[in-house]
């Protein structure tokens, strides 16, 4: 068995030990319906699918699939609408939202699903198969909001190769992070690595290694590295987190290159978490590595929210959805222990 499959298989086994309740707002997407069948059959999670009840039920009936542990809810007809309208109005009235506007928002699947999570009627939400990242993240930021422990909500991908699994951040959300945001992103990604049994060896990437070039761009990475290192020492002194930067990609992951370019680096070319300087770099890198190197990409996984909400790539496969669901369940398990 390749380590690609072994990594996600291990996550699935962890999820099965304590399945959670996951909401899928995209009931019109057959990939979601097929994945929900696999997820519930394998007892990875309990599922609520949002959409047209008759169409979704007919899909499962025609396929001969069991609907055990699958709930189907049409947000436009739900008896929870009055409660959610009042709840959303209370949460957003400081932004000028009226009751009438709240009614329209709540009937949208992503908003309805996020309110289910906020109101603890479900544990997490996964969307993005047919919606943009903005459509998934906006309701989460408005309703669930960021944890008090962070200044930013960021995203990461698990990039699974035959020989190892790396974390790439941020590849899906924050366009142009400043130094403080990059530092928080690095710390969030290190904590995610620990949560999923990946060594929290974090490299903040640049086109420069340890001053081989100097510009506003490289100086931002240098400052971010220092901020992250100081925060780790203050907030998580007992965790085995290693952070270094600024490092070029080869100096971060190739020991023989690190010996030449940065012999004093604590990472020694063995980084497992790669933090990119901006969204252009991160998104381009993950897609190239996925398509040219055959890596499995699971994400975007959101970091820094009070409760788990995760985004799917619009090009996701059924296996991708199952994998992200298992990852989300493990995140929920971790939240319970915090």
Protein backbone atom coordinates (compact mmCIF):
# COMPACT_ATOMS: atom_id res chain seq x y z
CA UNK A 1 0.00 0.00 0.00
CA UNK A 2 1.37 3.46 -0.92
CA UNK A 3 1.77 6.01 1.85
CA UNK A 4 -0.73 8.21 -0.01
CA UNK A 5 -3.44 5.68 0.70
CA UNK A 6 -1.99 4.74 4.08
CA UNK A 7 -2.19 8.35 5.31
CA UNK A 8 -5.86 8.83 4.47
CA UNK A 9 -6.72 5.27 5.54
CA UNK A 10 -5.27 6.07 8.96
CA UNK A 11 -7.38 9.24 9.15
CA UNK A 12 -10.49 7.28 8.16
CA UNK A 13 -9.83 4.74 10.91
CA UNK A 14 -9.48 7.57 13.44
CA UNK A 15 -12.75 9.09 12.25
CA UNK A 16 -14.58 5.78 12.60
CA UNK A 17 -13.70 5.59 16.30
CA UNK A 18 -15.93 8.60 17.03
CA UNK A 19 -18.06 9.58 13.99
CA UNK A 20 -19.48 13.10 13.88
CA UNK A 21 -22.41 14.83 12.16
CA UNK A 22 -21.36 16.59 8.93
CA UNK A 23 -23.50 18.91 6.78
CA UNK A 24 -23.19 18.94 2.97
CA UNK A 25 -25.04 21.94 1.49
CA UNK A 26 -24.56 20.82 -2.13
CA UNK A 27 -27.25 18.19 -2.55
CA UNK A 28 -27.52 18.97 -6.26
CA UNK A 29 -24.02 17.56 -6.89
CA UNK A 30 -24.01 13.81 -7.57
CA UNK A 31 -20.41 13.54 -6.32
CA UNK A 32 -21.64 14.65 -2.91
CA UNK A 33 -24.49 12.14 -2.98
CA UNK A 34 -22.18 9.30 -3.98
CA UNK A 35 -19.61 10.29 -1.35
CA UNK A 36 -22.30 10.49 1.36
CA UNK A 37 -23.26 6.92 0.52
CA UNK A 38 -19.64 5.77 0.98
CA UNK A 39 -19.17 7.83 4.15
CA UNK A 40 -22.23 6.44 5.89
CA UNK A 41 -21.69 2.90 4.63
CA UNK A 42 -18.16 2.99 6.08
CA UNK A 43 -19.49 4.63 9.28
CA UNK A 44 -17.13 7.59 8.98
CA UNK A 45 -19.83 10.17 9.78
CA UNK A 46 -23.52 10.87 9.99
CA UNK A 47 -24.60 13.13 7.10
CA UNK A 48 -27.17 15.86 6.53
CA UNK A 49 -27.58 16.80 2.87
CA UNK A 50 -29.28 20.08 1.96
CA UNK A 51 -31.36 20.29 -1.19
CA UNK A 52 -34.50 19.04 -2.89
CA UNK A 53 -35.74 16.16 -0.75
CA UNK A 54 -37.57 14.35 -3.54
CA UNK A 55 -34.70 14.54 -6.03
CA UNK A 56 -32.11 13.37 -3.52
CA UNK A 57 -34.32 10.56 -2.20
CA UNK A 58 -35.08 9.43 -5.75
CA UNK A 59 -31.35 9.37 -6.55
CA UNK A 60 -30.67 7.01 -3.66
CA UNK A 61 -33.72 4.87 -4.39
CA UNK A 62 -32.76 4.47 -8.06
CA UNK A 63 -29.23 3.47 -7.06
CA UNK A 64 -30.52 1.06 -4.43
CA UNK A 65 -28.51 2.89 -1.75
CA UNK A 66 -29.46 2.89 1.90
CA UNK A 67 -30.35 6.26 3.43
CA UNK A 68 -29.42 5.11 6.94
CA UNK A 69 -27.56 7.91 8.76
CA UNK A 70 -28.38 10.32 5.93
CA UNK A 71 -30.84 13.15 6.62
CA UNK A 72 -32.16 15.20 3.72
CA UNK A 73 -33.33 18.75 4.45
CA UNK A 74 -34.73 21.40 2.12
CA UNK A 75 -33.77 24.75 3.71
CA UNK A 76 -36.67 26.50 1.98
CA UNK A 77 -39.17 24.23 3.73
CA UNK A 78 -37.47 23.51 7.06
CA UNK A 79 -39.29 24.11 10.34
CA UNK A 80 -36.02 25.58 11.64
CA UNK A 81 -36.25 28.64 9.38
CA UNK A 82 -37.98 30.98 11.90
CA UNK A 83 -35.41 30.11 14.57
CA UNK A 84 -32.49 30.57 12.16
CA UNK A 85 -33.86 33.88 10.84
CA UNK A 86 -33.95 35.25 14.37
CA UNK A 87 -30.51 33.83 15.12
CA UNK A 88 -28.92 35.24 11.97
CA UNK A 89 -30.57 38.61 12.54
CA UNK A 90 -29.11 38.79 16.06
CA UNK A 91 -25.66 37.84 14.76
CA UNK A 92 -25.66 40.35 11.88
CA UNK A 93 -27.93 43.24 12.87
CA UNK A 94 -24.85 45.30 13.80
CA UNK A 95 -24.01 45.12 10.09
CA UNK A 96 -27.40 46.52 9.12
CA UNK A 97 -29.12 43.24 8.22
CA UNK A 98 -32.91 43.43 8.45
CA UNK A 99 -35.28 40.59 9.33
CA UNK A 100 -36.41 40.42 5.69
CA UNK A 101 -32.82 40.15 4.49
CA UNK A 102 -32.11 37.51 7.13
CA UNK A 103 -34.98 35.41 5.72
CA UNK A 104 -33.36 35.43 2.28
CA UNK A 105 -29.91 34.54 3.58
CA UNK A 106 -31.17 31.66 5.72
CA UNK A 107 -32.82 29.96 2.74
CA UNK A 108 -29.42 29.69 1.02
CA UNK A 109 -27.91 26.25 1.59
CA UNK A 110 -24.49 27.40 2.77
CA UNK A 111 -25.98 29.82 5.29
CA UNK A 112 -28.56 27.33 6.53
CA UNK A 113 -25.89 24.66 6.90
CA UNK A 114 -23.51 26.99 8.72
CA UNK A 115 -26.29 27.91 11.15
CA UNK A 116 -26.83 24.20 11.84
CA UNK A 117 -23.18 24.01 12.87
CA UNK A 118 -23.28 27.24 14.87
CA UNK A 119 -26.38 26.09 16.75
CA UNK A 120 -24.70 22.72 17.48
CA UNK A 121 -27.28 20.79 15.49
CA UNK A 122 -24.33 19.45 13.48
CA UNK A 123 -20.61 19.27 14.12
CA UNK A 124 -19.13 20.62 10.88
CA UNK A 125 -19.84 21.66 7.30
CA UNK A 126 -18.14 20.75 4.02
CA UNK A 127 -18.89 22.67 0.81
CA UNK A 128 -17.13 23.82 -2.36
CA UNK A 129 -17.74 21.04 -4.87
CA UNK A 130 -19.96 23.40 -6.85
CA UNK A 131 -19.47 26.67 -4.95
CA UNK A 132 -16.53 29.06 -4.79
CA UNK A 133 -14.31 29.27 -1.74
CA UNK A 134 -15.86 32.65 -0.98
CA UNK A 135 -19.36 31.12 -0.94
CA UNK A 136 -18.17 28.55 1.61
CA UNK A 137 -16.02 30.78 3.78
CA UNK A 138 -18.17 33.93 3.93
CA UNK A 139 -20.99 32.37 5.99
CA UNK A 140 -18.42 30.73 8.27
CA UNK A 141 -16.69 34.04 8.96
CA UNK A 142 -20.00 35.82 9.53
CA UNK A 143 -21.60 33.16 11.74
CA UNK A 144 -19.02 30.84 13.31
CA UNK A 145 -16.13 33.34 13.26
CA UNK A 146 -12.45 33.00 14.05
CA UNK A 147 -11.06 31.54 17.22
CA UNK A 148 -9.85 34.06 19.79
CA UNK A 149 -6.43 32.43 19.61
CA UNK A 150 -5.69 33.71 16.11
CA UNK A 151 -5.76 36.87 14.00
CA UNK A 152 -6.62 35.04 10.80
CA UNK A 153 -8.52 32.16 9.25
CA UNK A 154 -6.28 30.38 6.76
CA UNK A 155 -6.34 27.19 4.72
CA UNK A 156 -4.02 24.27 4.02
CA UNK A 157 -3.82 21.14 1.88
CA UNK A 158 -2.56 17.72 2.80
CA UNK A 159 -0.31 16.82 -0.13
CA UNK A 160 0.12 13.04 -0.09
CA UNK A 161 3.03 11.54 -2.00
CA UNK A 162 4.09 7.89 -2.15
CA UNK A 163 6.88 8.46 0.33
CA UNK A 164 5.48 11.17 2.64
CA UNK A 165 2.69 13.64 3.36
CA UNK A 166 3.34 17.39 3.45
CA UNK A 167 1.19 20.35 4.45
CA UNK A 168 0.94 23.31 2.02
CA UNK A 169 -0.44 26.63 3.34
CA UNK A 170 -2.11 28.90 2.33
CA UNK A 171 -3.31 27.63 -1.03
CA UNK A 172 -6.94 28.66 -1.02
CA UNK A 173 -7.90 31.66 1.10
CA UNK A 174 -5.59 34.50 2.18
CA UNK A 175 -4.39 36.44 -0.87
CA UNK A 176 -1.55 38.58 0.46
CA UNK A 177 -0.85 37.93 4.15
CA UNK A 178 1.25 40.38 6.13
CA UNK A 179 4.03 39.26 8.44
CA UNK A 180 1.78 38.74 11.48
CA UNK A 181 -0.75 36.79 9.42
CA UNK A 182 1.99 34.61 7.92
CA UNK A 183 3.25 33.90 11.43
CA UNK A 184 -0.21 32.84 12.59
CA UNK A 185 -0.62 30.74 9.45
CA UNK A 186 2.67 28.96 10.23
CA UNK A 187 1.58 28.25 13.81
CA UNK A 188 -1.88 27.06 12.76
CA UNK A 189 -0.32 24.72 10.22
CA UNK A 190 2.14 23.37 12.80
CA UNK A 191 -0.73 22.59 15.17
CA UNK A 192 -2.63 20.92 12.33
CA UNK A 193 0.45 18.81 11.59
CA UNK A 194 0.59 17.64 15.21
CA UNK A 195 -3.10 16.82 15.14
CA UNK A 196 -2.57 14.51 12.15
CA UNK A 197 0.73 12.91 13.26
CA UNK A 198 2.90 14.89 10.85
CA UNK A 199 6.17 16.30 12.16
CA UNK A 200 5.60 20.05 12.83
CA UNK A 201 8.74 21.16 10.99
CA UNK A 202 7.67 24.42 9.33
CA UNK A 203 9.44 26.34 6.57
CA UNK A 204 8.38 29.85 5.57
CA UNK A 205 9.22 29.92 1.88
CA UNK A 206 10.75 32.65 -0.24
CA UNK A 207 12.76 33.11 -3.41
CA UNK A 208 15.68 33.79 -1.06
CA UNK A 209 17.49 31.65 1.53
CA UNK A 210 18.85 33.36 4.63
CA UNK A 211 19.56 36.71 3.02
CA UNK A 212 20.74 35.54 -0.40
CA UNK A 213 18.50 38.33 -1.72
CA UNK A 214 16.90 41.26 0.05
CA UNK A 215 13.66 43.06 -0.75
CA UNK A 216 10.33 44.00 0.83
CA UNK A 217 9.11 40.52 -0.09
CA UNK A 218 11.96 38.65 1.60
CA UNK A 219 12.00 40.97 4.60
CA UNK A 220 8.34 40.11 5.22
CA UNK A 221 9.28 36.42 5.47
CA UNK A 222 12.14 37.20 7.84
CA UNK A 223 9.83 39.19 10.12
CA UNK A 224 7.11 36.53 9.96
CA UNK A 225 9.59 33.83 10.95
CA UNK A 226 10.75 35.81 13.97
CA UNK A 227 7.17 36.54 15.08
CA UNK A 228 6.18 32.88 14.72
CA UNK A 229 9.22 31.66 16.65
CA UNK A 230 8.55 34.09 19.50
CA UNK A 231 4.85 33.12 19.64
CA UNK A 232 5.67 29.42 19.73
CA UNK A 233 8.11 29.97 22.60
CA UNK A 234 5.48 31.96 24.49
CA UNK A 235 2.30 30.01 23.78
CA UNK A 236 3.46 26.44 23.11
CA UNK A 237 6.84 25.99 24.80
CA UNK A 238 6.27 22.28 25.40
CA UNK A 239 5.32 21.36 21.83
CA UNK A 240 8.03 20.02 19.46
CA UNK A 241 7.42 22.70 16.82
CA UNK A 242 10.35 23.84 14.65
CA UNK A 243 9.98 26.94 12.47
CA UNK A 244 12.54 28.49 10.14
CA UNK A 245 12.69 30.93 7.22
CA UNK A 246 13.30 32.55 4.84
CA UNK A 247 14.03 29.43 2.81
CA UNK A 248 13.82 28.52 -0.85
CA UNK A 249 11.81 25.42 -1.68
CA UNK A 250 14.84 23.19 -2.24
CA UNK A 251 16.56 24.38 0.94
CA UNK A 252 13.39 23.53 2.86
CA UNK A 253 12.91 19.94 1.70
CA UNK A 254 16.25 18.65 0.32
CA UNK A 255 18.87 17.93 3.03
CA UNK A 256 21.81 18.01 0.60
CA UNK A 257 20.76 21.47 -0.60
CA UNK A 258 20.15 22.71 2.95
CA UNK A 259 23.72 21.78 3.93
CA UNK A 260 25.02 24.15 1.24
CA UNK A 261 22.47 26.98 1.46
CA UNK A 262 21.52 27.06 5.17
CA UNK A 263 23.76 24.77 7.24
CA UNK A 264 22.57 26.39 10.46
CA UNK A 265 18.85 25.82 9.79
CA UNK A 266 17.01 23.91 12.49
CA UNK A 267 15.09 22.09 9.74
CA UNK A 268 18.13 20.71 7.88
CA UNK A 269 16.09 20.32 4.72
CA UNK A 270 13.42 18.17 6.39
CA UNK A 271 10.43 20.53 6.43
CA UNK A 272 7.04 18.85 6.46
CA UNK A 273 4.95 22.05 6.52
CA UNK A 274 5.49 24.57 3.72
CA UNK A 275 4.11 28.08 4.21
CA UNK A 276 3.95 30.10 0.99
CA UNK A 277 4.36 33.89 0.89
CA UNK A 278 1.03 34.54 -0.83
CA UNK A 279 -1.95 32.84 -2.42
CA UNK A 280 -0.53 33.03 -5.93
CA UNK A 281 2.51 30.98 -4.93
CA UNK A 282 0.60 28.50 -2.77
CA UNK A 283 -2.24 27.81 -5.18
CA UNK A 284 0.04 27.46 -8.20
CA UNK A 285 2.39 25.16 -6.30
CA UNK A 286 -0.29 22.78 -5.02
CA UNK A 287 -1.96 22.43 -8.41
CA UNK A 288 1.32 21.81 -10.23
CA UNK A 289 2.45 19.27 -7.65
CA UNK A 290 -0.95 17.55 -7.78
CA UNK A 291 -1.12 17.35 -11.57
CA UNK A 292 2.55 16.84 -12.49
CA UNK A 293 3.73 14.74 -9.55
CA UNK A 294 0.55 12.73 -8.99
CA UNK A 295 0.17 13.83 -5.37
CA UNK A 296 -3.24 13.45 -3.73
CA UNK A 297 -4.47 16.84 -2.49
CA UNK A 298 -6.98 16.96 0.36
CA UNK A 299 -8.38 20.40 1.08
CA UNK A 300 -8.62 23.29 1.38
CA UNK A 301 -8.83 22.56 5.11
CA UNK A 302 -9.69 25.72 7.04
CA UNK A 303 -7.71 26.69 10.13
CA UNK A 304 -8.57 29.16 12.87
CA UNK A 305 -12.39 28.85 13.02
CA UNK A 306 -14.24 28.14 16.25
CA UNK A 307 -15.90 25.11 14.65
CA UNK A 308 -14.79 23.12 11.57
CA UNK A 309 -15.90 24.26 8.12
CA UNK A 310 -13.96 22.93 5.14
CA UNK A 311 -13.82 23.78 1.48
CA UNK A 312 -13.60 21.37 -1.46
CA UNK A 313 -11.94 22.01 -4.77
CA UNK A 314 -14.51 22.25 -7.56
CA UNK A 315 -12.48 19.57 -9.35
CA UNK A 316 -12.75 17.17 -6.42
CA UNK A 317 -13.41 13.45 -6.83
CA UNK A 318 -15.62 11.24 -4.68
CA UNK A 319 -12.49 9.91 -2.97
CA UNK A 320 -11.41 13.49 -2.23
CA UNK A 321 -14.76 14.20 -0.56
CA UNK A 322 -14.53 11.05 1.54
CA UNK A 323 -10.99 11.96 2.57
CA UNK A 324 -11.86 15.55 3.50
CA UNK A 325 -14.83 14.26 5.49
CA UNK A 326 -12.59 11.95 7.52
CA UNK A 327 -10.19 14.84 8.12
CA UNK A 328 -13.10 17.02 9.24
CA UNK A 329 -14.35 14.36 11.66
CA UNK A 330 -10.88 14.17 13.24
CA UNK A 331 -10.89 17.98 13.55
CA UNK A 332 -14.23 17.73 15.38
CA UNK A 333 -12.80 15.11 17.71
CA UNK A 334 -9.90 17.43 18.49
CA UNK A 335 -12.22 20.39 19.14
CA UNK A 336 -13.98 18.37 21.82
CA UNK A 337 -10.67 17.85 23.60
CA UNK A 338 -9.58 21.50 23.56
